Amino acid sequence: MIQEITLRDLNPSRFIEDQIRSISETAGDGTAVNALSGGVDSSVVTALGHRALGNRLRTVFIENGLMREGEARSVQALFGDLGIPVEILDAREAFFAALKGVEDPEEKREAITQTFYRDVFGRLVRESGAKYLLQGTILTDVDETVAGIKRQHNVFEQLGIDPEKTFGYQILEPLIRLRKDGVRRVGETLGLPASLFNRIPFPGPALAARVIGEATPERIAVVRKATALVEEALAGTGAFQYLAVLHRDRVTGIRDGRRDFGLQIEIRCWDSVDARTATPTRLSFDLLEKLAADITAQVPGVVSVTYAVTPKPPSTMEVV
């Protein structure tokens, strides 16, 4: 059982020292590969790993075709300014091939997991000679996976899976005893910019977790554009997380006086502390009305925009 370090009990400076020492001792004189997505957890792990290993840490951003608009170059530039070089590895073809024809949520997550750890990172680790993969698993990821709520792509040991036997390398998880509030505090103490440690959460399966049904390049493009509009509109709300979801079925709409059999986007916006529970943010109707108008005008094919008002539980923050 993993012993949680709550925000109240967390000494961030001591935690940082302990994790830097642990990473350094585990890796020894060898190299490690670091999976950076630009999210809060992976950004904090990247900073910890860089302090522990310096240029023996190879930090890679996997361009899987499922990320937000301009994410790869933006993350690369931001970490470059922090003195941490980031490689971008184009793996879009591999991920969309793995997702082709897959509609079930858990099967999508498994397809992404296998492609990421076995194919893309497995090859990267083998070619580099590294024995370790550094990643930002947190306690909430483990809790939701073990409870059977949803399989988080970055949880293995707690499911009886040995990464070294399965993929050929060990996985180091410095943040696994923390929840999101603790991770943010560590990021702040590390000196990361607030734009990183206060960033809204983003799922491991990326935008594939926000497409109900098959995650094709075309459907990902729709939810990517809607996501950009939602994040721009709701950035000043102070909410814990906000996102756009693309529904599976087409719905009947009207455009230019004629029927437009189009797409439906659902907006979710959450107030939460640690993502274990959450309540929908009470946004103004004027804000929602403007956002709906922007999405239907700027995202091709969308004729309907809805707002989710069910708390977690029984809902979850992400839809898939």
Protein backbone atom coordinates (compact mmCIF):
# COMPACT_ATOMS: atom_id res chain seq x y z
CA MET A 1 0.00 0.00 0.00
CA ILE A 2 1.31 3.45 -0.93
CA GLN A 3 1.60 5.81 2.04
CA GLU A 4 0.17 9.18 1.05
CA ILE A 5 1.94 12.44 1.81
CA THR A 6 -0.84 14.97 2.25
CA LEU A 7 -0.36 18.66 1.50
CA ARG A 8 -0.55 19.35 5.24
CA ASP A 9 2.30 16.93 5.97
CA LEU A 10 4.40 17.79 2.92
CA ASN A 11 7.76 19.49 3.42
CA PRO A 12 8.45 20.34 -0.24
CA SER A 13 12.15 21.15 0.19
CA ARG A 14 12.84 17.90 2.02
CA PHE A 15 10.72 15.97 -0.49
CA ILE A 16 12.75 17.42 -3.37
CA GLU A 17 16.05 16.53 -1.68
CA ASP A 18 14.85 12.98 -0.99
CA GLN A 19 13.65 12.40 -4.54
CA ILE A 20 16.77 13.84 -6.16
CA ARG A 21 18.89 11.56 -4.00
CA SER A 22 16.67 8.54 -4.75
CA ILE A 23 16.71 9.12 -8.53
CA SER A 24 20.46 9.64 -8.52
CA GLU A 25 21.16 6.54 -6.43
CA THR A 26 18.82 4.36 -8.48
CA ALA A 27 20.14 5.45 -11.87
CA GLY A 28 23.76 5.34 -10.72
CA ASP A 29 26.11 6.27 -13.55
CA GLY A 30 23.55 5.28 -16.18
CA THR A 31 21.09 7.30 -18.19
CA ALA A 32 17.34 7.63 -17.90
CA VAL A 33 14.65 8.63 -20.36
CA ASN A 34 11.99 11.07 -19.26
CA ALA A 35 8.47 11.28 -20.68
CA LEU A 36 7.41 14.95 -20.78
CA SER A 37 3.88 15.89 -21.85
CA GLY A 38 3.88 19.44 -20.53
CA GLY A 39 1.32 18.66 -17.83
CA VAL A 40 1.87 19.51 -14.17
CA ASP A 41 3.02 16.04 -13.08
CA SER A 42 5.42 15.35 -15.94
CA SER A 43 6.84 18.88 -15.73
CA VAL A 44 7.64 18.49 -12.03
CA VAL A 45 9.22 15.07 -12.65
CA THR A 46 11.30 16.57 -15.47
CA ALA A 47 12.66 19.25 -13.15
CA LEU A 48 13.43 16.67 -10.43
CA GLY A 49 15.12 14.34 -12.91
CA HIS A 50 17.19 17.13 -14.44
CA ARG A 51 18.47 18.18 -11.03
CA ALA A 52 19.32 14.58 -10.18
CA LEU A 53 20.91 13.47 -13.44
CA GLY A 54 21.71 16.55 -15.51
CA ASN A 55 22.63 15.61 -19.06
CA ARG A 56 22.22 11.90 -18.23
CA LEU A 57 18.47 12.50 -18.42
CA ARG A 58 17.08 12.35 -21.94
CA THR A 59 13.79 14.26 -21.99
CA VAL A 60 11.42 13.41 -24.83
CA PHE A 61 8.06 14.85 -25.85
CA ILE A 62 6.06 12.25 -27.76
CA GLU A 63 4.06 13.90 -30.55
CA ASN A 64 1.27 11.36 -30.70
CA GLY A 65 -1.19 13.46 -32.69
CA LEU A 66 -3.47 13.67 -29.64
CA MET A 67 -2.10 16.77 -27.96
CA ARG A 68 -3.42 20.31 -27.73
CA GLU A 69 -2.81 22.92 -30.39
CA GLY A 70 0.91 23.83 -30.66
CA GLU A 71 1.75 21.82 -27.54
CA ALA A 72 4.99 20.19 -28.68
CA ARG A 73 6.83 23.36 -29.75
CA SER A 74 5.45 25.36 -26.82
CA VAL A 75 6.68 22.82 -24.24
CA GLN A 76 10.03 22.49 -25.98
CA ALA A 77 10.55 26.27 -25.94
CA LEU A 78 9.45 26.67 -22.32
CA PHE A 79 11.78 23.98 -20.99
CA GLY A 80 14.56 25.23 -23.24
CA ASP A 81 14.30 28.55 -21.40
CA LEU A 82 14.75 26.58 -18.15
CA GLY A 83 17.94 25.00 -19.50
CA ILE A 84 16.35 21.58 -20.08
CA PRO A 85 16.63 20.34 -23.68
CA VAL A 86 13.57 18.50 -24.99
CA GLU A 87 13.49 16.20 -28.02
CA ILE A 88 10.27 15.90 -30.02
CA LEU A 89 9.57 12.42 -31.34
CA ASP A 90 6.93 12.19 -34.06
CA ALA A 91 4.88 9.05 -33.37
CA ARG A 92 1.54 10.15 -34.81
CA GLU A 93 1.37 7.36 -37.34
CA ALA A 94 1.91 4.67 -34.69
CA PHE A 95 -0.77 6.01 -32.34
CA PHE A 96 -3.48 6.52 -34.94
CA ALA A 97 -2.76 3.07 -36.36
CA ALA A 98 -3.25 1.60 -32.87
CA LEU A 99 -6.50 3.55 -32.36
CA LYS A 100 -8.01 2.70 -35.74
CA GLY A 101 -11.44 1.12 -35.28
CA VAL A 102 -11.23 1.22 -31.46
CA GLU A 103 -14.30 2.69 -29.75
CA ASP A 104 -14.43 1.17 -26.25
CA PRO A 105 -12.92 3.55 -23.64
CA GLU A 106 -10.78 0.94 -21.90
CA GLU A 107 -9.61 -0.52 -25.20
CA LYS A 108 -8.55 2.97 -26.31
CA ARG A 109 -6.58 3.45 -23.11
CA GLU A 110 -4.93 0.05 -23.52
CA ALA A 111 -4.04 0.79 -27.16
CA ILE A 112 -2.39 4.05 -26.11
CA THR A 113 -0.60 2.37 -23.18
CA GLN A 114 0.86 -0.42 -25.31
CA THR A 115 1.88 1.95 -28.11
CA PHE A 116 3.51 4.35 -25.67
CA TYR A 117 5.36 1.95 -23.39
CA ARG A 118 6.02 -1.08 -25.59
CA ASP A 119 6.48 0.39 -29.05
CA VAL A 120 7.53 4.04 -28.86
CA PHE A 121 9.33 4.27 -25.52
CA GLY A 122 10.40 0.64 -25.62
CA ARG A 123 12.31 1.33 -28.84
CA LEU A 124 13.66 4.62 -27.51
CA VAL A 125 14.95 3.04 -24.30
CA ARG A 126 16.53 0.13 -26.15
CA GLU A 127 18.28 2.40 -28.64
CA SER A 128 19.56 4.74 -25.94
CA GLY A 129 20.74 1.97 -23.63
CA ALA A 130 18.79 3.51 -20.73
CA LYS A 131 17.45 1.23 -18.03
CA TYR A 132 14.94 3.64 -16.51
CA LEU A 133 11.91 5.64 -17.56
CA LEU A 134 11.02 8.61 -15.35
CA GLN A 135 7.33 9.51 -15.26
CA GLY A 136 4.79 11.52 -13.27
CA THR A 137 2.37 8.97 -11.82
CA ILE A 138 0.51 10.40 -8.81
CA LEU A 139 -1.58 8.70 -6.13
CA THR A 140 -4.93 9.61 -7.70
CA ASP A 141 -3.89 7.74 -10.87
CA VAL A 142 -3.28 4.63 -8.79
CA ASP A 143 -6.50 4.98 -6.77
CA GLU A 144 -8.75 5.28 -9.83
CA THR A 145 -7.04 2.39 -11.59
CA VAL A 146 -7.09 -0.01 -8.63
CA ALA A 147 -10.72 0.89 -7.85
CA GLY A 148 -11.65 0.03 -11.44
CA ILE A 149 -13.02 3.51 -12.16
CA LYS A 150 -10.75 3.90 -15.19
CA ARG A 151 -7.41 2.46 -16.21
CA GLN A 152 -4.80 5.16 -16.07
CA HIS A 153 -2.19 4.46 -18.72
CA ASN A 154 0.75 5.00 -16.34
CA VAL A 155 -0.14 2.46 -13.61
CA PHE A 156 1.50 -0.98 -13.70
CA GLU A 157 2.93 -2.38 -10.47
CA GLN A 158 -0.38 -2.06 -8.61
CA LEU A 159 -2.00 -4.21 -11.31
CA GLY A 160 0.65 -6.90 -11.00
CA ILE A 161 2.51 -5.79 -14.15
CA ASP A 162 6.31 -5.77 -14.01
CA PRO A 163 7.47 -3.08 -16.49
CA GLU A 164 10.97 -4.53 -16.71
CA LYS A 165 9.66 -7.95 -17.77
CA THR A 166 6.91 -6.49 -19.96
CA PHE A 167 8.70 -3.58 -21.63
CA GLY A 168 12.39 -4.07 -20.85
CA TYR A 169 13.00 -1.18 -18.45
CA GLN A 170 12.19 0.00 -14.94
CA ILE A 171 9.86 2.91 -14.23
CA LEU A 172 10.70 5.52 -11.59
CA GLU A 173 7.75 7.42 -10.09
CA PRO A 174 8.96 10.14 -7.69
CA LEU A 175 5.49 11.69 -7.21
CA ILE A 176 3.48 8.55 -6.52
CA ARG A 177 2.81 9.45 -2.85
CA LEU A 178 1.39 12.88 -3.74
CA ARG A 179 -1.88 14.20 -5.09
CA LYS A 180 -2.26 17.16 -7.42
CA ASP A 181 -2.15 19.84 -4.71
CA GLY A 182 1.11 18.42 -3.37
CA VAL A 183 2.63 18.19 -6.84
CA ARG A 184 1.82 21.85 -7.47
CA ARG A 185 3.55 22.82 -4.21
CA VAL A 186 6.66 20.85 -5.17
CA GLY A 187 6.67 22.50 -8.60
CA GLU A 188 6.49 25.93 -7.02
CA THR A 189 9.35 25.09 -4.65
CA LEU A 190 11.43 23.83 -7.58
CA GLY A 191 11.12 27.28 -9.11
CA LEU A 192 8.99 26.30 -12.07
CA PRO A 193 6.92 29.12 -13.56
CA ALA A 194 3.30 29.32 -12.40
CA SER A 195 2.21 28.67 -15.98
CA LEU A 196 3.54 25.13 -15.45
CA PHE A 197 2.79 24.17 -11.85
CA ASN A 198 -0.66 25.82 -11.90
CA ARG A 199 -1.63 24.44 -15.29
CA ILE A 200 -4.98 22.67 -15.51
CA PRO A 201 -4.79 18.85 -15.56
CA PHE A 202 -4.57 17.07 -18.90
CA PRO A 203 -5.16 13.31 -19.27
CA GLY A 204 -2.45 10.80 -20.18
CA PRO A 205 -4.43 9.55 -23.20
CA ALA A 206 -4.65 13.24 -24.20
CA LEU A 207 -7.51 14.27 -26.50
CA ALA A 208 -8.38 10.61 -27.14
CA ALA A 209 -9.92 10.75 -23.65
CA ARG A 210 -12.21 13.56 -24.87
CA VAL A 211 -13.57 11.86 -27.97
CA ILE A 212 -16.44 9.45 -27.38
CA GLY A 213 -15.99 6.62 -29.86
CA GLU A 214 -13.15 6.23 -32.34
CA ALA A 215 -10.34 8.80 -32.05
CA THR A 216 -9.60 9.47 -35.72
CA PRO A 217 -7.34 12.33 -36.86
CA GLU A 218 -10.44 14.20 -38.08
CA ARG A 219 -12.31 13.86 -34.78
CA ILE A 220 -9.24 14.78 -32.78
CA ALA A 221 -8.89 17.93 -34.91
CA VAL A 222 -12.46 18.92 -33.97
CA VAL A 223 -11.98 18.50 -30.23
CA ARG A 224 -8.54 20.16 -30.43
CA LYS A 225 -10.05 23.34 -31.87
CA ALA A 226 -12.91 23.28 -29.35
CA THR A 227 -10.40 22.75 -26.54
CA ALA A 228 -8.43 25.83 -27.57
CA LEU A 229 -11.60 27.95 -27.46
CA VAL A 230 -12.71 26.52 -24.10
CA GLU A 231 -9.30 27.02 -22.48
CA GLU A 232 -9.08 30.60 -23.76
CA ALA A 233 -12.59 31.47 -22.55
CA LEU A 234 -12.37 29.84 -19.11
CA ALA A 235 -8.75 30.62 -18.19
CA GLY A 236 -9.84 33.44 -15.86
CA THR A 237 -12.47 31.50 -13.95
CA GLY A 238 -10.12 30.04 -11.35
CA ALA A 239 -11.57 26.58 -12.01
CA PHE A 240 -9.52 23.45 -11.32
CA GLN A 241 -10.06 22.02 -14.81
CA TYR A 242 -12.05 22.76 -17.97
CA LEU A 243 -12.34 20.84 -21.20
CA ALA A 244 -14.30 20.08 -24.36
CA VAL A 245 -15.74 16.66 -25.23
CA LEU A 246 -16.79 15.47 -28.70
CA HIS A 247 -19.83 13.20 -28.61
CA ARG A 248 -20.18 10.16 -30.83
CA ASP A 249 -23.56 10.72 -32.51
CA ARG A 250 -24.47 13.48 -34.88
CA VAL A 251 -27.40 15.69 -33.87
CA THR A 252 -29.91 17.72 -35.83
CA GLY A 253 -29.19 21.42 -36.14
CA ILE A 254 -30.19 24.35 -38.34
CA ARG A 255 -27.81 26.52 -40.32
CA ASP A 256 -28.79 29.11 -42.92
CA GLY A 257 -32.40 27.96 -42.68
CA ARG A 258 -31.64 24.37 -43.56
CA ARG A 259 -31.05 21.22 -41.56
CA ASP A 260 -27.41 20.71 -40.59
CA PHE A 261 -26.83 17.20 -39.29
CA GLY A 262 -23.76 18.02 -37.23
CA LEU A 263 -21.55 17.43 -34.19
CA GLN A 264 -22.10 18.02 -30.49
CA ILE A 265 -19.51 19.43 -28.09
CA GLU A 266 -19.90 19.12 -24.33
CA ILE A 267 -18.14 21.60 -22.04
CA ARG A 268 -16.99 20.49 -18.59
CA CYS A 269 -15.62 22.88 -15.97
CA TRP A 270 -14.73 21.76 -12.45
CA ASP A 271 -14.06 23.12 -8.97
CA SER A 272 -11.83 20.70 -7.02
CA VAL A 273 -8.80 20.47 -4.76
CA ASP A 274 -7.26 17.08 -5.53
CA ALA A 275 -9.49 15.63 -8.31
CA ARG A 276 -10.95 12.95 -6.02
CA THR A 277 -14.23 14.86 -5.88
CA ALA A 278 -15.39 17.81 -7.95
CA THR A 279 -18.38 20.05 -8.55
CA PRO A 280 -19.28 21.84 -11.80
CA THR A 281 -18.24 25.48 -11.74
CA ARG A 282 -21.20 27.88 -11.67
CA LEU A 283 -20.31 29.79 -14.82
CA SER A 284 -22.39 32.76 -15.92
CA PHE A 285 -24.93 32.06 -18.63
CA ASP A 286 -23.57 34.98 -20.67
CA LEU A 287 -20.12 33.32 -20.70
CA LEU A 288 -21.54 29.95 -21.70
CA GLU A 289 -23.69 31.56 -24.39
CA LYS A 290 -20.71 33.35 -25.93
CA LEU A 291 -18.57 30.21 -25.78
CA ALA A 292 -21.28 28.19 -27.50
CA ALA A 293 -21.55 30.83 -30.22
CA ASP A 294 -17.76 30.83 -30.74
CA ILE A 295 -17.56 27.03 -30.95
CA THR A 296 -20.45 26.66 -33.40
CA ALA A 297 -19.03 29.48 -35.54
CA GLN A 298 -15.36 28.44 -35.50
CA VAL A 299 -15.31 24.63 -35.23
CA PRO A 300 -16.48 23.13 -38.53
CA GLY A 301 -19.47 20.83 -38.26
CA VAL A 302 -20.52 21.66 -34.69
CA VAL A 303 -24.21 22.54 -34.29
CA SER A 304 -24.75 21.90 -30.55
CA VAL A 305 -22.89 22.86 -27.37
CA THR A 306 -23.92 21.65 -23.89
CA TYR A 307 -22.62 22.18 -20.34
CA ALA A 308 -22.22 19.30 -17.85
CA VAL A 309 -23.76 19.89 -14.41
CA THR A 310 -23.25 16.49 -12.71
CA PRO A 311 -20.68 16.37 -9.87
CA LYS A 312 -17.93 13.80 -9.34
CA PRO A 313 -19.14 11.31 -8.21
CA PRO A 314 -21.22 9.97 -9.92
CA SER A 315 -19.56 11.61 -12.95
CA THR A 316 -15.82 11.73 -13.55
CA MET A 317 -13.82 14.75 -14.64
CA GLU A 318 -12.82 13.25 -17.98
CA VAL A 319 -15.47 11.59 -20.11
CA VAL A 320 -13.53 8.52 -21.29
